[in-house]
Protein backbone atom coordinates (compact mmCIF):
# COMPACT_ATOMS: atom_id res chain seq x y z
CA MET A 1 31.30 -61.27 -54.81
CA GLU A 2 29.57 -59.25 -52.09
CA ASP A 3 25.90 -58.39 -52.35
CA ASP A 4 25.28 -55.11 -54.13
CA PRO A 5 23.52 -52.72 -51.72
CA ASP A 6 21.97 -50.81 -54.62
CA ILE A 7 19.24 -53.39 -55.35
CA ARG A 8 15.60 -52.34 -55.39
CA VAL A 9 12.69 -54.78 -55.87
CA ILE A 10 9.19 -53.74 -56.93
CA SER A 11 5.98 -55.38 -58.06
CA ALA A 12 5.98 -56.21 -61.77
CA ALA A 13 2.76 -54.18 -62.00
CA ASP A 14 4.74 -51.08 -61.01
CA ALA A 15 7.50 -51.69 -63.56
CA ALA A 16 7.47 -50.45 -67.15
CA TRP A 17 6.78 -53.37 -69.49
CA HIS A 18 10.00 -52.72 -71.40
CA ASP A 19 11.86 -53.34 -68.13
CA VAL A 20 10.19 -56.75 -67.83
CA GLN A 21 11.14 -57.44 -71.45
CA ALA A 22 14.74 -56.47 -70.72
CA VAL A 23 14.97 -59.02 -67.92
CA PHE A 24 13.49 -61.89 -69.95
CA GLY A 25 15.67 -60.98 -72.91
CA THR A 26 15.79 -62.50 -76.35
CA ARG A 27 17.94 -65.60 -75.76
CA GLY A 28 17.76 -68.66 -73.56
CA ASP A 29 14.87 -70.28 -71.71
CA PRO A 30 13.41 -67.13 -70.10
CA SER A 31 12.91 -65.49 -73.50
CA SER A 32 10.64 -68.30 -74.65
CA CYS A 33 8.96 -69.35 -71.38
CA TRP A 34 7.95 -66.02 -69.80
CA CYS A 35 6.99 -67.97 -66.64
CA GLN A 36 4.19 -69.85 -68.37
CA TYR A 37 5.54 -73.41 -68.09
CA PHE A 38 3.68 -74.17 -64.86
CA LYS A 39 0.50 -72.49 -66.11
CA LEU A 40 0.03 -74.15 -69.49
CA ASP A 41 -1.07 -77.73 -70.06
CA ASN A 42 1.09 -80.15 -72.06
CA ALA A 43 -0.64 -79.49 -75.39
CA GLU A 44 -0.38 -75.72 -74.97
CA TRP A 45 3.28 -75.94 -73.94
CA LYS A 46 4.22 -78.01 -77.00
CA THR A 47 3.34 -75.10 -79.27
CA ALA A 48 4.35 -72.30 -76.89
CA SER A 49 6.79 -69.62 -78.02
CA ARG A 50 7.78 -66.08 -77.15
CA GLU A 51 4.95 -64.88 -79.40
CA THR A 52 2.37 -66.77 -77.32
CA CYS A 53 3.92 -66.59 -73.83
CA GLU A 54 4.98 -62.94 -73.60
CA PRO A 55 1.43 -61.61 -74.13
CA LEU A 56 0.15 -64.06 -71.49
CA LEU A 57 2.58 -62.75 -68.88
CA LYS A 58 1.84 -59.17 -69.84
CA ARG A 59 -1.87 -59.75 -69.35
CA GLN A 60 -1.25 -61.48 -66.01
CA VAL A 61 0.91 -58.58 -64.81
CA LEU A 62 -1.69 -56.02 -65.84
CA GLU A 63 -4.82 -57.88 -64.73
CA LEU A 64 -3.98 -60.01 -61.70
CA ASP A 65 -4.11 -58.47 -58.25
CA PRO A 66 -1.57 -59.12 -56.92
CA PRO A 67 0.57 -59.54 -60.04
CA PRO A 68 2.51 -62.78 -60.57
CA GLY A 69 5.99 -61.53 -59.85
CA LEU A 70 8.58 -58.94 -58.91
CA ILE A 71 11.28 -57.06 -60.79
CA ALA A 72 14.71 -56.20 -59.34
CA TYR A 73 16.76 -53.17 -60.31
CA GLN A 74 20.42 -52.46 -59.74
CA GLY A 75 20.51 -48.70 -59.81
CA GLY A 76 18.11 -47.90 -62.63
CA THR A 77 18.77 -51.07 -64.62
CA PRO A 78 16.21 -53.91 -64.57
CA VAL A 79 18.21 -57.02 -63.69
CA GLY A 80 15.97 -59.76 -62.27
CA TRP A 81 12.57 -61.39 -61.96
CA CYS A 82 10.96 -63.66 -59.37
CA ALA A 83 7.66 -65.45 -59.92
CA VAL A 84 5.57 -65.70 -56.74
CA GLU A 85 1.86 -66.46 -56.52
CA PRO A 86 -0.65 -68.69 -54.74
CA ARG A 87 0.46 -72.23 -55.55
CA LYS A 88 -2.95 -73.09 -57.00
CA HIS A 89 -2.25 -70.66 -59.87
CA TYR A 90 0.33 -73.15 -61.16
CA PRO A 91 -1.71 -76.19 -62.25
CA ARG A 92 1.25 -77.98 -63.81
CA LEU A 93 3.52 -77.46 -60.80
CA GLY A 94 1.83 -80.18 -58.74
CA ARG A 95 2.88 -82.90 -61.16
CA GLY A 96 6.51 -82.68 -60.05
CA LYS A 97 7.93 -85.07 -57.46
CA VAL A 98 9.22 -82.26 -55.26
CA VAL A 99 5.91 -80.42 -55.04
CA GLN A 100 3.99 -83.65 -54.53
CA ALA A 101 5.97 -84.09 -51.32
CA SER A 102 4.23 -81.04 -49.84
CA THR A 103 1.70 -81.71 -47.09
CA GLU A 104 -0.11 -78.45 -47.81
CA PRO A 105 -3.55 -78.67 -49.50
CA THR A 106 -3.30 -78.17 -53.26
CA ASP A 107 -6.24 -75.76 -53.47
CA ASP A 108 -5.44 -73.61 -50.41
CA PRO A 109 -5.12 -69.97 -51.57
CA THR A 110 -2.95 -69.15 -48.54
CA VAL A 111 -0.20 -71.51 -49.76
CA TRP A 112 2.08 -69.55 -52.09
CA ALA A 113 5.02 -70.69 -54.18
CA VAL A 114 8.20 -69.18 -55.56
CA THR A 115 8.69 -70.96 -58.88
CA CYS A 116 11.22 -69.05 -60.94
CA PHE A 117 14.13 -66.63 -60.84
CA VAL A 118 15.65 -64.85 -63.81
CA VAL A 119 18.83 -62.81 -63.35
CA ARG A 120 20.34 -61.23 -66.43
CA VAL A 121 23.76 -62.30 -67.63
CA GLY A 122 26.32 -59.83 -66.34
CA PHE A 123 24.44 -59.27 -63.07
CA ARG A 124 24.69 -62.70 -61.48
CA LYS A 125 26.41 -63.49 -58.16
CA ARG A 126 25.53 -60.06 -56.79
CA GLY A 127 22.78 -61.10 -54.38
CA ILE A 128 19.96 -60.19 -56.76
CA ALA A 129 18.11 -63.52 -56.46
CA THR A 130 18.44 -63.42 -52.66
CA ALA A 131 17.01 -59.89 -52.60
CA LEU A 132 14.18 -61.01 -54.88
CA LEU A 133 13.36 -63.90 -52.54
CA ALA A 134 13.29 -61.63 -49.50
CA ALA A 135 10.92 -59.30 -51.33
CA ALA A 136 8.82 -62.26 -52.50
CA ALA A 137 8.32 -63.33 -48.90
CA GLY A 138 7.14 -59.84 -47.94
CA HIS A 139 4.91 -59.68 -51.03
CA ALA A 140 3.30 -63.05 -50.29
CA ARG A 141 2.72 -62.24 -46.63
CA ALA A 142 1.22 -58.83 -47.46
CA HIS A 143 -1.27 -60.53 -49.77
CA GLY A 144 -2.52 -63.17 -47.36
CA ALA A 145 -0.04 -66.03 -47.62
CA ARG A 146 0.13 -68.36 -44.64
CA VAL A 147 2.95 -70.40 -46.13
CA LEU A 148 5.51 -69.75 -48.86
CA GLU A 149 7.12 -72.76 -50.52
CA GLY A 150 10.17 -73.02 -52.75
CA TYR A 151 11.68 -75.95 -54.62
CA PRO A 152 15.36 -75.06 -54.98
CA VAL A 153 18.35 -76.93 -56.32
CA ASP A 154 21.30 -77.94 -54.14
CA PRO A 155 24.38 -77.54 -56.37
CA ALA A 156 26.54 -79.24 -53.71
CA ALA A 157 24.60 -82.48 -54.20
CA ARG A 158 25.53 -82.79 -57.89
CA ASP A 159 28.74 -82.89 -59.86
CA LYS A 160 27.57 -80.18 -62.24
CA VAL A 161 24.55 -77.88 -62.43
CA SER A 162 23.97 -75.68 -65.46
CA SER A 163 22.87 -72.09 -65.00
CA ALA A 164 19.63 -72.97 -66.81
CA GLU A 165 18.75 -75.43 -64.01
CA LEU A 166 19.02 -72.76 -61.33
CA TYR A 167 15.76 -71.02 -62.16
CA TYR A 168 14.22 -72.64 -59.08
CA GLY A 169 16.82 -70.90 -56.91
CA VAL A 170 19.36 -72.63 -54.67
CA VAL A 171 18.99 -74.14 -51.21
CA SER A 172 21.48 -71.75 -49.57
CA GLN A 173 19.57 -68.73 -50.88
CA PHE A 174 16.32 -70.00 -49.32
CA ALA A 175 18.03 -70.89 -46.05
CA ALA A 176 19.48 -67.37 -45.88
CA ASN A 177 15.94 -66.02 -46.12
CA GLY A 178 14.62 -68.09 -43.21
CA PHE A 179 13.15 -71.03 -45.12
CA THR A 180 13.28 -74.48 -43.52
CA GLU A 181 14.00 -77.62 -45.51
CA VAL A 182 10.93 -79.82 -45.15
CA THR A 183 11.97 -82.77 -47.28
CA ARG A 184 14.34 -83.71 -50.09
CA PRO A 185 12.49 -85.89 -52.60
CA THR A 186 15.61 -86.09 -54.77
CA PRO A 187 19.25 -85.67 -53.67
CA SER A 188 19.61 -82.29 -55.38
CA ARG A 189 16.11 -80.81 -54.97
CA ALA A 190 14.56 -79.69 -51.71
CA LEU A 191 11.12 -78.57 -50.68
CA MET A 192 11.60 -75.54 -48.45
CA ARG A 193 8.97 -73.65 -46.52
CA LEU A 194 8.56 -70.32 -44.77
CA GLU A 195 5.59 -70.05 -42.42
CA PHE A 196 4.15 -66.69 -41.49
CA ALA A 197 2.87 -65.96 -38.00
CA THR A 198 -0.87 -65.32 -37.93
């Protein structure tokens, strides 16, 4: 399906909270995680639920400057989310094999990461995640990022990939937005990087 030209992406801080709720929904992984998996420690995650995670994201959206993500609209309908922040804001992220392959310093505030995409059922395969990633790059650069990393999946390298596994994004989507593959710690997961001119 061709990309929908009627896609608008804004900071989550500029979106109505009920629009954020509409994107995360009430079923599936997004409705229970609320982009907290990489922020909570193991003990906190074991007891995490919508009731604990949604208020955390709401507070982060309202209090952090810049906020931790972007919301996409198709027309006036909220359809997608992308988490993008300085990588050091995700303490649990660095435990993964893909992120450990990065040569960037773990505590450098100019190293940002795209960690999650959510696109609502019924709005997929319309270019929404690609538009979110393009906006995430602009958002990161505008707020002082030197480097933006992503850790996408390569569906072509596996027999089958479930939609739930695609929250990292896909390699082709990152390549289309100018990211370079730095390394591939596993056959189906790449570390991709976009460097901003200083």
